[in-house]
Amino acid sequence: MKTELVRIGNSRGIRIPKPLIEQCGFGDEVDLRIENECLIISPERVAREGWEEKFRAAGPVEDELLLGTVSANQFDRKEWRW
């Protein structure tokens, strides 16, 4: 679909038809980025959206320290100082 750039002060903008806004799920704000010389407009995403569900789906958490299973090396024994 082609559309014209319209003047908005010293800037330019585009008008996005309502059906495209609805199809893309745009709210009042969008994210803009450039990839391979293309402007990508995507719905605004909340930081860490969906993380809680993903953690729950991953299963129960075993609270063990993984570093306790690693044996000390020469740096740990001789050179490391707090």
N, C-alpha and C. Protein backbone atom coordinates (compact mmCIF):
# COMPACT_ATOMS: atom_id res chain seq x y z
N MET A 1 0.84 -1.17 0.00
CA MET A 1 0.00 0.00 0.00
C MET A 1 0.89 1.23 0.00
N LYS A 2 0.63 2.16 -0.87
CA LYS A 2 1.36 3.42 -0.92
C LYS A 2 0.58 4.48 -0.16
N THR A 3 1.32 5.39 0.46
CA THR A 3 0.71 6.52 1.15
C THR A 3 1.64 7.71 1.06
N GLU A 4 1.10 8.88 1.23
CA GLU A 4 1.91 10.10 1.13
C GLU A 4 2.46 10.50 2.48
N LEU A 5 3.64 11.11 2.44
CA LEU A 5 4.18 11.75 3.64
C LEU A 5 3.53 13.12 3.75
N VAL A 6 3.00 13.43 4.93
CA VAL A 6 2.35 14.73 5.14
C VAL A 6 3.22 15.57 6.06
N ARG A 7 3.16 16.87 5.85
CA ARG A 7 3.94 17.79 6.70
C ARG A 7 3.27 17.94 8.05
N ILE A 8 4.09 17.82 9.09
CA ILE A 8 3.66 18.07 10.46
C ILE A 8 4.73 18.95 11.08
N GLY A 9 4.55 20.27 10.97
CA GLY A 9 5.59 21.20 11.41
C GLY A 9 6.80 21.02 10.53
N ASN A 10 7.97 20.84 11.14
CA ASN A 10 9.21 20.60 10.40
C ASN A 10 9.42 19.12 10.10
N SER A 11 8.50 18.29 10.53
CA SER A 11 8.63 16.84 10.35
C SER A 11 7.70 16.36 9.25
N ARG A 12 7.72 15.07 9.02
CA ARG A 12 6.81 14.42 8.09
C ARG A 12 6.14 13.27 8.83
N GLY A 13 4.95 12.91 8.40
CA GLY A 13 4.24 11.80 9.03
C GLY A 13 3.46 11.04 8.00
N ILE A 14 2.88 9.94 8.43
CA ILE A 14 2.00 9.16 7.56
C ILE A 14 0.68 8.96 8.28
N ARG A 15 -0.37 8.78 7.51
CA ARG A 15 -1.67 8.42 8.06
C ARG A 15 -1.82 6.91 7.86
N ILE A 16 -2.12 6.23 8.96
CA ILE A 16 -2.30 4.78 8.89
C ILE A 16 -3.80 4.53 8.90
N PRO A 17 -4.32 3.86 7.88
CA PRO A 17 -5.75 3.57 7.84
C PRO A 17 -6.21 2.74 9.05
N LYS A 18 -7.42 3.01 9.51
CA LYS A 18 -7.96 2.34 10.69
C LYS A 18 -7.91 0.82 10.60
N PRO A 19 -8.27 0.21 9.46
CA PRO A 19 -8.19 -1.25 9.40
C PRO A 19 -6.78 -1.79 9.67
N LEU A 20 -5.76 -1.08 9.20
CA LEU A 20 -4.38 -1.53 9.46
C LEU A 20 -4.03 -1.37 10.94
N ILE A 21 -4.49 -0.28 11.55
CA ILE A 21 -4.23 -0.06 12.98
C ILE A 21 -4.84 -1.19 13.79
N GLU A 22 -6.07 -1.55 13.46
CA GLU A 22 -6.74 -2.63 14.19
C GLU A 22 -6.07 -3.98 13.93
N GLN A 23 -5.70 -4.25 12.69
CA GLN A 23 -5.09 -5.52 12.34
C GLN A 23 -3.74 -5.68 13.04
N CYS A 24 -3.00 -4.59 13.19
CA CYS A 24 -1.68 -4.64 13.83
C CYS A 24 -1.76 -4.57 15.35
N GLY A 25 -2.92 -4.22 15.88
CA GLY A 25 -3.07 -4.13 17.33
C GLY A 25 -2.41 -2.91 17.92
N PHE A 26 -2.35 -1.82 17.17
CA PHE A 26 -1.74 -0.59 17.68
C PHE A 26 -2.64 0.06 18.71
N GLY A 27 -2.03 0.60 19.76
CA GLY A 27 -2.73 1.40 20.75
C GLY A 27 -2.42 2.86 20.49
N ASP A 28 -2.26 3.62 21.55
CA ASP A 28 -1.96 5.04 21.42
C ASP A 28 -0.48 5.29 21.10
N GLU A 29 0.38 4.34 21.40
CA GLU A 29 1.81 4.48 21.12
C GLU A 29 2.30 3.24 20.39
N VAL A 30 3.35 3.43 19.59
CA VAL A 30 3.97 2.33 18.85
C VAL A 30 5.48 2.39 19.03
N ASP A 31 6.15 1.29 18.73
CA ASP A 31 7.62 1.25 18.71
C ASP A 31 8.08 1.41 17.27
N LEU A 32 9.09 2.26 17.04
CA LEU A 32 9.69 2.45 15.72
C LEU A 32 11.13 1.98 15.76
N ARG A 33 11.55 1.31 14.70
CA ARG A 33 12.97 0.93 14.58
C ARG A 33 13.31 0.78 13.10
N ILE A 34 14.58 0.82 12.83
CA ILE A 34 15.07 0.65 11.46
C ILE A 34 15.76 -0.71 11.37
N GLU A 35 15.39 -1.50 10.37
CA GLU A 35 16.06 -2.77 10.08
C GLU A 35 16.27 -2.87 8.58
N ASN A 36 17.51 -3.05 8.19
CA ASN A 36 17.85 -3.19 6.76
C ASN A 36 17.25 -2.07 5.92
N GLU A 37 17.44 -0.85 6.38
CA GLU A 37 16.96 0.35 5.69
C GLU A 37 15.43 0.41 5.56
N CYS A 38 14.71 -0.31 6.43
CA CYS A 38 13.25 -0.28 6.43
C CYS A 38 12.77 0.22 7.78
N LEU A 39 11.73 1.02 7.77
CA LEU A 39 11.10 1.49 9.00
C LEU A 39 10.11 0.44 9.46
N ILE A 40 10.28 -0.05 10.68
CA ILE A 40 9.40 -1.04 11.26
C ILE A 40 8.56 -0.35 12.33
N ILE A 41 7.24 -0.46 12.20
CA ILE A 41 6.31 0.08 13.19
C ILE A 41 5.63 -1.11 13.83
N SER A 42 5.77 -1.24 15.15
CA SER A 42 5.16 -2.37 15.84
C SER A 42 4.43 -1.89 17.09
N PRO A 43 3.49 -2.71 17.58
CA PRO A 43 2.76 -2.31 18.78
C PRO A 43 3.72 -2.12 19.95
N GLU A 44 3.39 -1.16 20.80
CA GLU A 44 4.20 -0.95 22.00
C GLU A 44 4.11 -2.18 22.87
N ARG A 45 5.24 -2.63 23.36
CA ARG A 45 5.26 -3.79 24.24
C ARG A 45 5.72 -3.35 25.63
N VAL A 46 5.05 -3.90 26.62
CA VAL A 46 5.43 -3.61 28.00
C VAL A 46 6.68 -4.42 28.31
N ALA A 47 7.64 -3.78 28.98
CA ALA A 47 8.87 -4.48 29.34
C ALA A 47 8.54 -5.71 30.17
N ARG A 48 9.15 -6.82 29.83
CA ARG A 48 9.00 -8.10 30.52
C ARG A 48 7.57 -8.65 30.46
N GLU A 49 6.81 -8.22 29.46
CA GLU A 49 5.45 -8.72 29.30
C GLU A 49 5.48 -10.22 29.03
N GLY A 50 4.72 -10.99 29.78
CA GLY A 50 4.64 -12.43 29.60
C GLY A 50 5.70 -13.23 30.34
N TRP A 51 6.65 -12.56 30.99
CA TRP A 51 7.72 -13.29 31.67
C TRP A 51 7.18 -14.17 32.80
N GLU A 52 6.24 -13.65 33.56
CA GLU A 52 5.72 -14.41 34.70
C GLU A 52 5.12 -15.74 34.24
N GLU A 53 4.33 -15.70 33.17
CA GLU A 53 3.73 -16.92 32.64
C GLU A 53 4.80 -17.88 32.15
N LYS A 54 5.85 -17.35 31.51
CA LYS A 54 6.93 -18.21 31.01
C LYS A 54 7.67 -18.88 32.16
N PHE A 55 7.92 -18.13 33.26
CA PHE A 55 8.60 -18.72 34.42
C PHE A 55 7.75 -19.83 35.03
N ARG A 56 6.44 -19.59 35.14
CA ARG A 56 5.56 -20.61 35.70
C ARG A 56 5.55 -21.86 34.82
N ALA A 57 5.53 -21.65 33.51
CA ALA A 57 5.49 -22.77 32.57
C ALA A 57 6.80 -23.58 32.61
N ALA A 58 7.88 -22.96 33.06
CA ALA A 58 9.18 -23.63 33.10
C ALA A 58 9.25 -24.69 34.20
N GLY A 59 8.33 -24.64 35.15
CA GLY A 59 8.31 -25.64 36.21
C GLY A 59 8.86 -25.11 37.51
N PRO A 60 8.90 -25.97 38.53
CA PRO A 60 9.36 -25.54 39.86
C PRO A 60 10.85 -25.18 39.85
N VAL A 61 11.18 -24.28 40.75
CA VAL A 61 12.56 -23.80 40.85
C VAL A 61 13.25 -24.55 41.99
N GLU A 62 14.40 -25.12 41.69
CA GLU A 62 15.22 -25.74 42.72
C GLU A 62 16.27 -24.72 43.10
N ASP A 63 16.27 -24.35 44.36
CA ASP A 63 17.15 -23.28 44.83
C ASP A 63 18.49 -23.85 45.27
N GLU A 64 19.34 -24.12 44.31
CA GLU A 64 20.67 -24.61 44.63
C GLU A 64 21.71 -23.74 43.94
N LEU A 65 22.83 -23.60 44.56
CA LEU A 65 23.90 -22.80 43.99
C LEU A 65 24.73 -23.67 43.06
N LEU A 66 24.81 -23.27 41.81
CA LEU A 66 25.56 -24.04 40.84
C LEU A 66 27.06 -23.90 41.04
N LEU A 67 27.50 -22.77 41.59
CA LEU A 67 28.93 -22.57 41.76
C LEU A 67 29.51 -23.50 42.82
N GLY A 68 28.69 -24.02 43.71
CA GLY A 68 29.19 -24.95 44.72
C GLY A 68 29.69 -26.25 44.11
N THR A 69 29.27 -26.57 42.92
CA THR A 69 29.69 -27.81 42.28
C THR A 69 30.96 -27.65 41.45
N VAL A 70 31.45 -26.42 41.32
CA VAL A 70 32.65 -26.15 40.53
C VAL A 70 33.84 -26.11 41.48
N SER A 71 34.84 -26.90 41.18
CA SER A 71 36.02 -26.90 42.05
C SER A 71 36.89 -25.68 41.78
N ALA A 72 37.60 -25.26 42.80
CA ALA A 72 38.46 -24.08 42.71
C ALA A 72 39.62 -24.34 41.77
N ASN A 73 40.04 -23.31 41.05
CA ASN A 73 41.21 -23.42 40.19
C ASN A 73 42.37 -22.66 40.82
N GLN A 74 43.50 -22.56 40.13
CA GLN A 74 44.69 -21.91 40.66
C GLN A 74 44.42 -20.45 41.01
N PHE A 75 43.68 -19.74 40.18
CA PHE A 75 43.35 -18.34 40.47
C PHE A 75 42.56 -18.25 41.77
N ASP A 76 41.58 -19.13 41.94
CA ASP A 76 40.77 -19.10 43.16
C ASP A 76 41.62 -19.37 44.41
N ARG A 77 42.56 -20.31 44.31
CA ARG A 77 43.35 -20.70 45.47
C ARG A 77 44.46 -19.71 45.81
N LYS A 78 45.09 -19.09 44.83
CA LYS A 78 46.28 -18.28 45.10
C LYS A 78 46.10 -16.77 44.87
N GLU A 79 45.36 -16.39 43.84
CA GLU A 79 45.36 -14.99 43.43
C GLU A 79 44.14 -14.20 43.87
N TRP A 80 43.01 -14.83 44.07
CA TRP A 80 41.78 -14.10 44.38
C TRP A 80 41.82 -13.54 45.80
N ARG A 81 41.50 -12.24 45.93
CA ARG A 81 41.45 -11.58 47.24
C ARG A 81 40.21 -10.73 47.29
N TRP A 82 39.53 -10.75 48.42
CA TRP A 82 38.39 -9.85 48.64
C TRP A 82 38.90 -8.49 48.99
